[in-house]
């Protein structure tokens, strides 16, 4: 189930989907606060998959560098382990600029 993680950025949502799509989460793009985005190194102790950590929800298929983003209302935080951190931040920023017009 957690063999792959698809990250899809649209004009309205960031969609995180594991495997064939049975486990997924949709986050409104205008609620993501890129000013709080940072790179965090995850540990094996946090596990693999859709995990709840003391610092937010973790989406990963492996241990490594994660993009950590808070929502603008500060009600939730999440981590996404990926090799494409810069590309994802750029896609979110572009989608937010489109949705604000």
Foldseek 3Di string as FASTA:
>chain_A
DQQDWDWDFDLFWTKIAGDPRPDIDIDGLLFWDLVPKDKDFDDCVQPAAFGQDPQFTEHHSDTGIWIWIATNVRPGIYIYDDPPNVVVSVSSVVSNVVNVD
